[in-house]
Amino acid sequence: MAKVAFLGLGVMGFPMAGHLQAAGHEVTVYNRTAAKAEAWVAQHGGAMGLTPAAAVDGADFVMACVGNDDDLRQVCTGANGAFSGMKDGAIFVDHTTVSAKVTADLYEAAKAQGLNFVDAPISGGQAGAENGVLSIMCGGDAAAYEAAEPVMQAYARICRRIGESGAGQMTKMCNQIAIAGLVQGLSEALHFAEKAGLDGRAVVEVISQGAAGSWQMQNRHETMLDDEFDHGFAVDWMRKDLGICLATADETGASLPVTALVDQFYKDVQKMGGSRWDTSSLIKRLRALG
């Protein structure tokens, strides 16, 4: 068992840190809003730090799951940031979905201070975090990953090192690119079924057993048919992720026409007031079109 700090207690981080504590690790948490850290300690035990630097004192591993590039920079290298409080040789594991640039910058900054940095974005949504069955895609030095992997297993279904620093974030971009087109396709199929007067549930029961089947279809078709969109990853966060994908595609020369189109569809959903709806709300845009 290890001494672990967890920075960021949102809908993903809160249960992830809980799995670490339940697995027997000695966990100290930090959250920008201290009340959430206090609630976590009340529920799970462990301890809390009032700053990232305080929370990571003496930790072997520091896990972070915050909002975006700026949040991650602040928690790592800002005033009272984690890097200033970590002991030599400690391993920072970033579960945030961020750009490849911030990952590269923080990897180098950590290395210069005698620290290790593993980019380890996650997929599986709030339910995956709560049930401890996340997919974790990692980049970084092999030795650092191998040391951190047993700790991450507390909330993982699968955890793999894809390559050197940044490879985890690039893999998460692949994940979001694949999801964007898939959710739009599912939305169109269900919308078509409604317009054709078909029983959407009966349609899914049949087509989900063939080549059209997917996690999205299995887990979101009923809420989509019921016009309920408070069950997962928010549109605002998806647009943040797709923006990273599209910017990186410009840098690498990749062509992402469907991703760019779906990003604009999500922009339409935001204009409808759906910033906090989950990503399956693309069907609501189709319904609004008539």
C-alpha atoms as a PDB file:
ATOM      1  CA  MET A   1       0.000   0.000   0.000  1.00  0.00           C
ATOM      2  CA  ALA A   2       1.187   3.513  -0.817  1.00  0.00           C
ATOM      3  CA  LYS A   3       0.827   7.057   0.417  1.00  0.00           C
ATOM      4  CA  VAL A   4      -1.279   8.777  -2.258  1.00  0.00           C
ATOM      5  CA  ALA A   5      -2.578  12.289  -2.853  1.00  0.00           C
ATOM      6  CA  PHE A   6      -5.604  12.932  -5.062  1.00  0.00           C
ATOM      7  CA  LEU A   7      -6.145  16.423  -6.473  1.00  0.00           C
ATOM      8  CA  GLY A   8      -9.598  17.270  -7.836  1.00  0.00           C
ATOM      9  CA  LEU A   9     -12.827  15.820  -6.474  1.00  0.00           C
ATOM     10  CA  GLY A  10     -15.319  16.305  -9.279  1.00  0.00           C
ATOM     11  CA  VAL A  11     -17.769  13.675 -10.481  1.00  0.00           C
ATOM     12  CA  MET A  12     -14.820  11.498 -11.540  1.00  0.00           C
ATOM     13  CA  GLY A  13     -12.187  12.282  -8.921  1.00  0.00           C
ATOM     14  CA  PHE A  14     -14.422  11.922  -5.868  1.00  0.00           C
ATOM     15  CA  PRO A  15     -15.197   8.218  -6.420  1.00  0.00           C
ATOM     16  CA  MET A  16     -11.733   7.458  -7.823  1.00  0.00           C
ATOM     17  CA  ALA A  17     -10.106   8.733  -4.640  1.00  0.00           C
ATOM     18  CA  GLY A  18     -12.629   6.680  -2.690  1.00  0.00           C
ATOM     19  CA  HIS A  19     -11.529   3.489  -4.458  1.00  0.00           C
ATOM     20  CA  LEU A  20      -7.915   4.227  -3.521  1.00  0.00           C
ATOM     21  CA  GLN A  21      -8.853   4.615   0.135  1.00  0.00           C
ATOM     22  CA  ALA A  22     -10.975   1.445   0.038  1.00  0.00           C
ATOM     23  CA  ALA A  23      -8.035  -0.451  -1.471  1.00  0.00           C
ATOM     24  CA  GLY A  24      -5.993   0.330   1.623  1.00  0.00           C
ATOM     25  CA  HIS A  25      -3.873   3.239   0.412  1.00  0.00           C
ATOM     26  CA  GLU A  26      -3.219   6.198   2.700  1.00  0.00           C
ATOM     27  CA  VAL A  27      -5.038   8.963   0.818  1.00  0.00           C
ATOM     28  CA  THR A  28      -4.911  12.739   1.241  1.00  0.00           C
ATOM     29  CA  VAL A  29      -7.213  14.786  -0.979  1.00  0.00           C
ATOM     30  CA  TYR A  30      -7.294  18.365  -2.215  1.00  0.00           C
ATOM     31  CA  ASN A  31     -10.093  20.249  -3.935  1.00  0.00           C
ATOM     32  CA  ARG A  32     -10.306  23.904  -4.924  1.00  0.00           C
ATOM     33  CA  THR A  33     -13.588  24.079  -2.990  1.00  0.00           C
ATOM     34  CA  ALA A  34     -12.561  22.820   0.443  1.00  0.00           C
ATOM     35  CA  ALA A  35     -16.100  21.787   1.389  1.00  0.00           C
ATOM     36  CA  LYS A  36     -15.959  18.988  -1.160  1.00  0.00           C
ATOM     37  CA  ALA A  37     -12.715  17.680   0.340  1.00  0.00           C
ATOM     38  CA  GLU A  38     -14.286  17.829   3.782  1.00  0.00           C
ATOM     39  CA  ALA A  39     -17.264  15.837   2.489  1.00  0.00           C
ATOM     40  CA  TRP A  40     -14.913  13.239   0.985  1.00  0.00           C
ATOM     41  CA  VAL A  41     -13.046  12.792   4.278  1.00  0.00           C
ATOM     42  CA  ALA A  42     -16.341  12.499   6.143  1.00  0.00           C
ATOM     43  CA  GLN A  43     -17.438   9.736   3.773  1.00  0.00           C
ATOM     44  CA  HIS A  44     -14.199   7.849   3.186  1.00  0.00           C
ATOM     45  CA  GLY A  45     -11.765   8.751   5.965  1.00  0.00           C
ATOM     46  CA  GLY A  46      -8.246   9.759   5.006  1.00  0.00           C
ATOM     47  CA  ALA A  47      -7.087  13.344   5.186  1.00  0.00           C
ATOM     48  CA  MET A  48      -7.258  16.617   3.270  1.00  0.00           C
ATOM     49  CA  GLY A  49      -4.784  19.351   2.395  1.00  0.00           C
ATOM     50  CA  LEU A  50      -5.708  22.998   1.991  1.00  0.00           C
ATOM     51  CA  THR A  51      -3.299  23.430  -0.940  1.00  0.00           C
ATOM     52  CA  PRO A  52      -1.916  21.016  -3.537  1.00  0.00           C
ATOM     53  CA  ALA A  53       1.549  21.359  -1.979  1.00  0.00           C
ATOM     54  CA  ALA A  54       0.201  20.433   1.454  1.00  0.00           C
ATOM     55  CA  ALA A  55      -1.800  17.492   0.143  1.00  0.00           C
ATOM     56  CA  VAL A  56       1.167  15.894  -1.642  1.00  0.00           C
ATOM     57  CA  ASP A  57       3.595  16.138   1.276  1.00  0.00           C
ATOM     58  CA  GLY A  58       5.317  12.759   1.595  1.00  0.00           C
ATOM     59  CA  ALA A  59       3.164  11.110  -1.107  1.00  0.00           C
ATOM     60  CA  ASP A  60       4.625   8.375  -3.283  1.00  0.00           C
ATOM     61  CA  PHE A  61       1.956   8.975  -5.949  1.00  0.00           C
ATOM     62  CA  VAL A  62      -0.053  12.078  -6.797  1.00  0.00           C
ATOM     63  CA  MET A  63      -3.180  11.620  -8.897  1.00  0.00           C
ATOM     64  CA  ALA A  64      -4.971  14.580 -10.467  1.00  0.00           C
ATOM     65  CA  CYS A  65      -8.331  14.881 -12.217  1.00  0.00           C
ATOM     66  CA  VAL A  66      -9.185  18.530 -12.814  1.00  0.00           C
ATOM     67  CA  GLY A  67     -10.932  20.507 -15.540  1.00  0.00           C
ATOM     68  CA  ASN A  68      -8.632  21.728 -18.292  1.00  0.00           C
ATOM     69  CA  ASP A  69      -5.121  22.859 -19.268  1.00  0.00           C
ATOM     70  CA  ASP A  70      -5.182  25.973 -17.079  1.00  0.00           C
ATOM     71  CA  ASP A  71      -6.499  24.065 -14.052  1.00  0.00           C
ATOM     72  CA  LEU A  72      -3.784  21.447 -14.436  1.00  0.00           C
ATOM     73  CA  ARG A  73      -0.989  24.004 -14.764  1.00  0.00           C
ATOM     74  CA  GLN A  74      -2.271  25.798 -11.677  1.00  0.00           C
ATOM     75  CA  VAL A  75      -2.481  22.667  -9.550  1.00  0.00           C
ATOM     76  CA  CYS A  76       0.991  21.537 -10.674  1.00  0.00           C
ATOM     77  CA  THR A  77       3.107  24.680 -10.903  1.00  0.00           C
ATOM     78  CA  GLY A  78       0.975  27.538  -9.566  1.00  0.00           C
ATOM     79  CA  ALA A  79       1.257  29.071  -6.116  1.00  0.00           C
ATOM     80  CA  ASN A  80       1.514  26.220  -3.599  1.00  0.00           C
ATOM     81  CA  GLY A  81       1.369  23.804  -6.554  1.00  0.00           C
ATOM     82  CA  ALA A  82       1.938  20.089  -6.235  1.00  0.00           C
ATOM     83  CA  PHE A  83       5.388  20.084  -7.832  1.00  0.00           C
ATOM     84  CA  SER A  84       6.698  22.369  -5.072  1.00  0.00           C
ATOM     85  CA  GLY A  85       5.634  19.901  -2.383  1.00  0.00           C
ATOM     86  CA  MET A  86       6.413  16.516  -3.929  1.00  0.00           C
ATOM     87  CA  LYS A  87       9.358  14.501  -2.671  1.00  0.00           C
ATOM     88  CA  ASP A  88      12.180  13.459  -5.008  1.00  0.00           C
ATOM     89  CA  GLY A  89      11.239  10.551  -7.257  1.00  0.00           C
ATOM     90  CA  ALA A  90       7.495  10.802  -6.578  1.00  0.00           C
ATOM     91  CA  ILE A  91       5.163  10.049  -9.482  1.00  0.00           C
ATOM     92  CA  PHE A  92       2.489  12.474 -10.718  1.00  0.00           C
ATOM     93  CA  VAL A  93      -0.346  10.756 -12.613  1.00  0.00           C
ATOM     94  CA  ASP A  94      -2.606  13.093 -14.595  1.00  0.00           C
ATOM     95  CA  HIS A  95      -6.091  11.739 -15.295  1.00  0.00           C
ATOM     96  CA  THR A  96      -7.322  15.023 -16.813  1.00  0.00           C
ATOM     97  CA  THR A  97      -8.038  15.239 -20.535  1.00  0.00           C
ATOM     98  CA  VAL A  98      -5.742  18.031 -21.677  1.00  0.00           C
ATOM     99  CA  SER A  99      -3.690  19.102 -24.685  1.00  0.00           C
ATOM    100  CA  ALA A 100      -0.505  17.368 -25.724  1.00  0.00           C
ATOM    101  CA  LYS A 101       1.327  20.681 -25.219  1.00  0.00           C
ATOM    102  CA  VAL A 102       0.532  21.035 -21.521  1.00  0.00           C
ATOM    103  CA  THR A 103       1.444  17.388 -21.041  1.00  0.00           C
ATOM    104  CA  ALA A 104       4.823  17.939 -22.730  1.00  0.00           C
ATOM    105  CA  ASP A 105       5.485  21.069 -20.671  1.00  0.00           C
ATOM    106  CA  LEU A 106       4.624  19.434 -17.351  1.00  0.00           C
ATOM    107  CA  TYR A 107       6.552  16.259 -18.159  1.00  0.00           C
ATOM    108  CA  GLU A 108       9.674  18.371 -18.707  1.00  0.00           C
ATOM    109  CA  ALA A 109       9.019  20.517 -15.635  1.00  0.00           C
ATOM    110  CA  ALA A 110       8.595  17.421 -13.481  1.00  0.00           C
ATOM    111  CA  LYS A 111      11.732  15.825 -14.879  1.00  0.00           C
ATOM    112  CA  ALA A 112      13.751  18.972 -14.144  1.00  0.00           C
ATOM    113  CA  GLN A 113      12.685  18.741 -10.501  1.00  0.00           C
ATOM    114  CA  GLY A 114      13.496  15.051 -10.104  1.00  0.00           C
ATOM    115  CA  LEU A 115       9.853  14.000 -10.381  1.00  0.00           C
ATOM    116  CA  ASN A 116       8.014  11.596 -12.697  1.00  0.00           C
ATOM    117  CA  PHE A 117       4.963  12.484 -14.807  1.00  0.00           C
ATOM    118  CA  VAL A 118       2.530  10.022 -16.405  1.00  0.00           C
ATOM    119  CA  ASP A 119      -0.324  11.231 -18.617  1.00  0.00           C
ATOM    120  CA  ALA A 120      -3.230   8.887 -17.935  1.00  0.00           C
ATOM    121  CA  PRO A 121      -6.566  10.205 -19.258  1.00  0.00           C
ATOM    122  CA  ILE A 122      -9.622   8.109 -18.522  1.00  0.00           C
ATOM    123  CA  SER A 123     -12.763   6.908 -20.279  1.00  0.00           C
ATOM    124  CA  GLY A 124     -15.887   5.352 -18.842  1.00  0.00           C
ATOM    125  CA  GLY A 125     -17.804   8.312 -17.491  1.00  0.00           C
ATOM    126  CA  GLN A 126     -19.179   8.911 -14.027  1.00  0.00           C
ATOM    127  CA  ALA A 127     -20.557   5.376 -13.827  1.00  0.00           C
ATOM    128  CA  GLY A 128     -17.145   3.942 -14.690  1.00  0.00           C
ATOM    129  CA  ALA A 129     -15.520   6.026 -11.953  1.00  0.00           C
ATOM    130  CA  GLU A 130     -18.142   5.055  -9.376  1.00  0.00           C
ATOM    131  CA  ASN A 131     -17.889   1.361 -10.234  1.00  0.00           C
ATOM    132  CA  GLY A 132     -14.102   1.364 -10.542  1.00  0.00           C
ATOM    133  CA  VAL A 133     -14.094   0.165 -14.156  1.00  0.00           C
ATOM    134  CA  LEU A 134     -12.407   2.976 -16.067  1.00  0.00           C
ATOM    135  CA  SER A 135     -10.275   2.578 -19.174  1.00  0.00           C
ATOM    136  CA  ILE A 136      -6.933   4.301 -18.599  1.00  0.00           C
ATOM    137  CA  MET A 137      -4.616   5.131 -21.508  1.00  0.00           C
ATOM    138  CA  CYS A 138      -1.113   6.151 -20.484  1.00  0.00           C
ATOM    139  CA  GLY A 139       2.018   7.821 -21.744  1.00  0.00           C
ATOM    140  CA  GLY A 140       5.329   8.386 -20.017  1.00  0.00           C
ATOM    141  CA  ASP A 141       8.498   6.647 -18.916  1.00  0.00           C
ATOM    142  CA  ALA A 142       8.069   2.887 -18.637  1.00  0.00           C
ATOM    143  CA  ALA A 143       9.458   2.652 -15.104  1.00  0.00           C
ATOM    144  CA  ALA A 144       7.122   5.360 -13.799  1.00  0.00           C
ATOM    145  CA  TYR A 145       4.131   3.729 -15.440  1.00  0.00           C
ATOM    146  CA  GLU A 146       5.008   0.287 -14.073  1.00  0.00           C
ATOM    147  CA  ALA A 147       5.236   1.702 -10.554  1.00  0.00           C
ATOM    148  CA  ALA A 148       1.920   3.577 -10.840  1.00  0.00           C
ATOM    149  CA  GLU A 149      -0.105   0.907 -12.637  1.00  0.00           C
ATOM    150  CA  PRO A 150      -0.888  -1.224  -9.530  1.00  0.00           C
ATOM    151  CA  VAL A 151      -2.230   1.896  -7.780  1.00  0.00           C
ATOM    152  CA  MET A 152      -4.439   2.824 -10.754  1.00  0.00           C
ATOM    153  CA  GLN A 153      -5.899  -0.680 -10.738  1.00  0.00           C
ATOM    154  CA  ALA A 154      -8.068   0.438  -7.805  1.00  0.00           C
ATOM    155  CA  TYR A 155     -10.426   2.091 -10.330  1.00  0.00           C
ATOM    156  CA  ALA A 156      -9.493   0.495 -13.668  1.00  0.00           C
ATOM    157  CA  ARG A 157     -11.063  -2.078 -15.933  1.00  0.00           C
ATOM    158  CA  ILE A 158      -8.060  -1.786 -18.237  1.00  0.00           C
ATOM    159  CA  CYS A 159      -4.863   0.236 -17.854  1.00  0.00           C
ATOM    160  CA  ARG A 160      -2.231   0.319 -20.614  1.00  0.00           C
ATOM    161  CA  ARG A 161       0.916   2.281 -21.432  1.00  0.00           C
ATOM    162  CA  ILE A 162       0.604   3.270 -25.089  1.00  0.00           C
ATOM    163  CA  GLY A 163       4.000   4.929 -25.453  1.00  0.00           C
ATOM    164  CA  GLU A 164       6.174   7.846 -24.405  1.00  0.00           C
ATOM    165  CA  SER A 165       4.930  11.038 -22.764  1.00  0.00           C
ATOM    166  CA  GLY A 166       1.843  12.379 -24.549  1.00  0.00           C
ATOM    167  CA  ALA A 167       0.766   9.030 -25.974  1.00  0.00           C
ATOM    168  CA  GLY A 168      -1.999   8.732 -23.378  1.00  0.00           C
ATOM    169  CA  GLN A 169      -3.502  12.088 -24.316  1.00  0.00           C
ATOM    170  CA  MET A 170      -3.257  11.280 -28.032  1.00  0.00           C
ATOM    171  CA  THR A 171      -5.090   8.002 -27.375  1.00  0.00           C
ATOM    172  CA  LYS A 172      -7.808   9.848 -25.471  1.00  0.00           C
ATOM    173  CA  MET A 173      -8.228  12.060 -28.535  1.00  0.00           C
ATOM    174  CA  CYS A 174      -8.798   8.906 -30.601  1.00  0.00           C
ATOM    175  CA  ASN A 175     -11.422   7.895 -28.046  1.00  0.00           C
ATOM    176  CA  GLN A 176     -13.300  11.185 -28.292  1.00  0.00           C
ATOM    177  CA  ILE A 177     -13.086  11.223 -32.100  1.00  0.00           C
ATOM    178  CA  ALA A 178     -14.630   7.744 -32.224  1.00  0.00           C
ATOM    179  CA  ILE A 179     -17.374   8.648 -29.740  1.00  0.00           C
ATOM    180  CA  ALA A 180     -18.376  11.850 -31.557  1.00  0.00           C
ATOM    181  CA  GLY A 181     -19.328  10.108 -34.790  1.00  0.00           C
ATOM    182  CA  LEU A 182     -20.850   7.165 -32.960  1.00  0.00           C
ATOM    183  CA  VAL A 183     -23.224   9.299 -30.847  1.00  0.00           C
ATOM    184  CA  GLN A 184     -24.329  11.246 -33.911  1.00  0.00           C
ATOM    185  CA  GLY A 185     -25.014   8.004 -35.776  1.00  0.00           C
ATOM    186  CA  LEU A 186     -27.012   6.603 -32.861  1.00  0.00           C
ATOM    187  CA  SER A 187     -28.961   9.853 -32.581  1.00  0.00           C
ATOM    188  CA  GLU A 188     -29.835   9.739 -36.266  1.00  0.00           C
ATOM    189  CA  ALA A 189     -30.913   6.086 -36.066  1.00  0.00           C
ATOM    190  CA  LEU A 190     -33.234   6.708 -33.106  1.00  0.00           C
ATOM    191  CA  HIS A 191     -34.592   9.907 -34.674  1.00  0.00           C
ATOM    192  CA  PHE A 192     -35.280   8.031 -37.903  1.00  0.00           C
ATOM    193  CA  ALA A 193     -37.070   5.282 -35.964  1.00  0.00           C
ATOM    194  CA  GLU A 194     -39.275   7.871 -34.279  1.00  0.00           C
ATOM    195  CA  LYS A 195     -40.132   9.546 -37.590  1.00  0.00           C
ATOM    196  CA  ALA A 196     -40.911   6.159 -39.148  1.00  0.00           C
ATOM    197  CA  GLY A 197     -43.301   5.323 -36.312  1.00  0.00           C
ATOM    198  CA  LEU A 198     -41.190   2.447 -34.983  1.00  0.00           C
ATOM    199  CA  ASP A 199     -40.789   1.320 -31.380  1.00  0.00           C
ATOM    200  CA  GLY A 200     -37.289   2.586 -30.645  1.00  0.00           C
ATOM    201  CA  ARG A 201     -36.689   0.065 -27.854  1.00  0.00           C
ATOM    202  CA  ALA A 202     -37.674  -2.818 -30.078  1.00  0.00           C
ATOM    203  CA  VAL A 203     -35.412  -1.495 -32.825  1.00  0.00           C
ATOM    204  CA  VAL A 204     -32.441  -1.297 -30.461  1.00  0.00           C
ATOM    205  CA  GLU A 205     -33.140  -4.750 -29.046  1.00  0.00           C
ATOM    206  CA  VAL A 206     -32.601  -6.163 -32.514  1.00  0.00           C
ATOM    207  CA  ILE A 207     -29.867  -3.987 -34.008  1.00  0.00           C
ATOM    208  CA  SER A 208     -27.754  -3.908 -30.825  1.00  0.00           C
ATOM    209  CA  GLN A 209     -27.091  -7.630 -31.283  1.00  0.00           C
ATOM    210  CA  GLY A 210     -25.437  -7.037 -34.661  1.00  0.00           C
ATOM    211  CA  ALA A 211     -22.718  -4.849 -36.104  1.00  0.00           C
ATOM    212  CA  ALA A 212     -24.454  -1.640 -34.972  1.00  0.00           C
ATOM    213  CA  GLY A 213     -24.120  -2.500 -31.289  1.00  0.00           C
ATOM    214  CA  SER A 214     -22.062  -0.236 -29.015  1.00  0.00           C
ATOM    215  CA  TRP A 215     -21.659   0.868 -25.394  1.00  0.00           C
ATOM    216  CA  GLN A 216     -23.524   4.071 -26.232  1.00  0.00           C
ATOM    217  CA  MET A 217     -26.431   2.151 -27.698  1.00  0.00           C
ATOM    218  CA  GLN A 218     -26.620  -0.250 -24.774  1.00  0.00           C
ATOM    219  CA  ASN A 219     -26.341   2.376 -22.049  1.00  0.00           C
ATOM    220  CA  ARG A 220     -27.927   5.513 -23.499  1.00  0.00           C
ATOM    221  CA  HIS A 221     -30.700   4.551 -25.944  1.00  0.00           C
ATOM    222  CA  GLU A 222     -33.448   4.459 -23.311  1.00  0.00           C
ATOM    223  CA  THR A 223     -32.622   7.859 -21.836  1.00  0.00           C
ATOM    224  CA  MET A 224     -32.319   9.286 -25.345  1.00  0.00           C
ATOM    225  CA  LEU A 225     -35.753   7.950 -26.238  1.00  0.00           C
ATOM    226  CA  ASP A 226     -37.118   9.352 -22.968  1.00  0.00           C
ATOM    227  CA  ASP A 227     -35.565  12.788 -23.680  1.00  0.00           C
ATOM    228  CA  GLU A 228     -33.413  12.638 -20.530  1.00  0.00           C
ATOM    229  CA  PHE A 229     -29.887  14.027 -20.722  1.00  0.00           C
ATOM    230  CA  ASP A 230     -28.445  14.202 -17.211  1.00  0.00           C
ATOM    231  CA  HIS A 231     -26.691  10.840 -17.190  1.00  0.00           C
ATOM    232  CA  GLY A 232     -23.122  11.447 -18.251  1.00  0.00           C
ATOM    233  CA  PHE A 233     -20.368  13.578 -19.762  1.00  0.00           C
ATOM    234  CA  ALA A 234     -21.487  17.185 -20.337  1.00  0.00           C
ATOM    235  CA  VAL A 235     -21.602  18.863 -23.750  1.00  0.00           C
ATOM    236  CA  ASP A 236     -19.308  21.677 -22.550  1.00  0.00           C
ATOM    237  CA  TRP A 237     -16.605  19.150 -21.657  1.00  0.00           C
ATOM    238  CA  MET A 238     -17.038  17.285 -24.934  1.00  0.00           C
ATOM    239  CA  ARG A 239     -16.559  20.509 -26.892  1.00  0.00           C
ATOM    240  CA  LYS A 240     -13.412  21.187 -24.882  1.00  0.00           C
ATOM    241  CA  ASP A 241     -12.106  17.732 -25.787  1.00  0.00           C
ATOM    242  CA  LEU A 242     -13.081  17.977 -29.463  1.00  0.00           C
ATOM    243  CA  GLY A 243     -11.372  21.366 -29.640  1.00  0.00           C
ATOM    244  CA  ILE A 244      -8.169  19.678 -28.478  1.00  0.00           C
ATOM    245  CA  CYS A 245      -8.651  16.951 -31.092  1.00  0.00           C
ATOM    246  CA  LEU A 246      -9.202  19.419 -33.932  1.00  0.00           C
ATOM    247  CA  ALA A 247      -6.277  21.634 -32.926  1.00  0.00           C
ATOM    248  CA  THR A 248      -3.983  18.612 -32.746  1.00  0.00           C
ATOM    249  CA  ALA A 249      -5.247  17.389 -36.123  1.00  0.00           C
ATOM    250  CA  ASP A 250      -4.183  20.719 -37.627  1.00  0.00           C
ATOM    251  CA  GLU A 251      -0.711  20.191 -36.171  1.00  0.00           C
ATOM    252  CA  THR A 252      -0.361  16.577 -37.320  1.00  0.00           C
ATOM    253  CA  GLY A 253      -2.079  16.889 -40.695  1.00  0.00           C
ATOM    254  CA  ALA A 254      -4.889  14.476 -39.799  1.00  0.00           C
ATOM    255  CA  SER A 255      -8.265  14.962 -41.489  1.00  0.00           C
ATOM    256  CA  LEU A 256     -11.278  14.906 -39.141  1.00  0.00           C
ATOM    257  CA  PRO A 257     -14.295  16.049 -41.182  1.00  0.00           C
ATOM    258  CA  VAL A 258     -16.925  14.147 -39.171  1.00  0.00           C
ATOM    259  CA  THR A 259     -15.437  15.275 -35.850  1.00  0.00           C
ATOM    260  CA  ALA A 260     -15.490  18.906 -36.994  1.00  0.00           C
ATOM    261  CA  LEU A 261     -19.135  18.563 -38.066  1.00  0.00           C
ATOM    262  CA  VAL A 262     -20.234  16.941 -34.795  1.00  0.00           C
ATOM    263  CA  ASP A 263     -18.397  19.636 -32.833  1.00  0.00           C
ATOM    264  CA  GLN A 264     -20.604  22.201 -34.599  1.00  0.00           C
ATOM    265  CA  PHE A 265     -23.687  20.122 -33.778  1.00  0.00           C
ATOM    266  CA  TYR A 266     -22.680  20.265 -30.108  1.00  0.00           C
ATOM    267  CA  LYS A 267     -22.344  24.033 -30.508  1.00  0.00           C
ATOM    268  CA  ASP A 268     -25.977  24.031 -31.639  1.00  0.00           C
ATOM    269  CA  VAL A 269     -26.912  22.060 -28.511  1.00  0.00           C
ATOM    270  CA  GLN A 270     -25.169  24.675 -26.366  1.00  0.00           C
ATOM    271  CA  LYS A 271     -27.237  27.385 -28.064  1.00  0.00           C
ATOM    272  CA  MET A 272     -30.345  25.372 -27.145  1.00  0.00           C
ATOM    273  CA  GLY A 273     -29.363  25.684 -23.479  1.00  0.00           C
ATOM    274  CA  GLY A 274     -27.799  22.239 -23.321  1.00  0.00           C
ATOM    275  CA  SER A 275     -24.311  23.038 -22.091  1.00  0.00           C
ATOM    276  CA  ARG A 276     -24.706  20.700 -19.124  1.00  0.00           C
ATOM    277  CA  TRP A 277     -26.752  18.032 -20.911  1.00  0.00           C
ATOM    278  CA  ASP A 278     -24.869  14.818 -21.545  1.00  0.00           C
ATOM    279  CA  THR A 279     -23.374  14.076 -24.949  1.00  0.00           C
ATOM    280  CA  SER A 280     -26.278  11.906 -26.071  1.00  0.00           C
ATOM    281  CA  SER A 281     -28.318  15.122 -26.374  1.00  0.00           C
ATOM    282  CA  LEU A 282     -27.380  15.313 -30.068  1.00  0.00           C
ATOM    283  CA  ILE A 283     -30.762  13.662 -30.676  1.00  0.00           C
ATOM    284  CA  LYS A 284     -32.474  16.679 -29.111  1.00  0.00           C
ATOM    285  CA  ARG A 285     -30.966  18.861 -31.821  1.00  0.00           C
ATOM    286  CA  LEU A 286     -32.463  16.577 -34.493  1.00  0.00           C
ATOM    287  CA  ARG A 287     -35.860  16.699 -32.841  1.00  0.00           C
ATOM    288  CA  ALA A 288     -35.684  20.496 -32.791  1.00  0.00           C
ATOM    289  CA  LEU A 289     -35.095  20.495 -36.545  1.00  0.00           C
ATOM    290  CA  GLY A 290     -38.475  18.825 -37.044  1.00  0.00           C
END
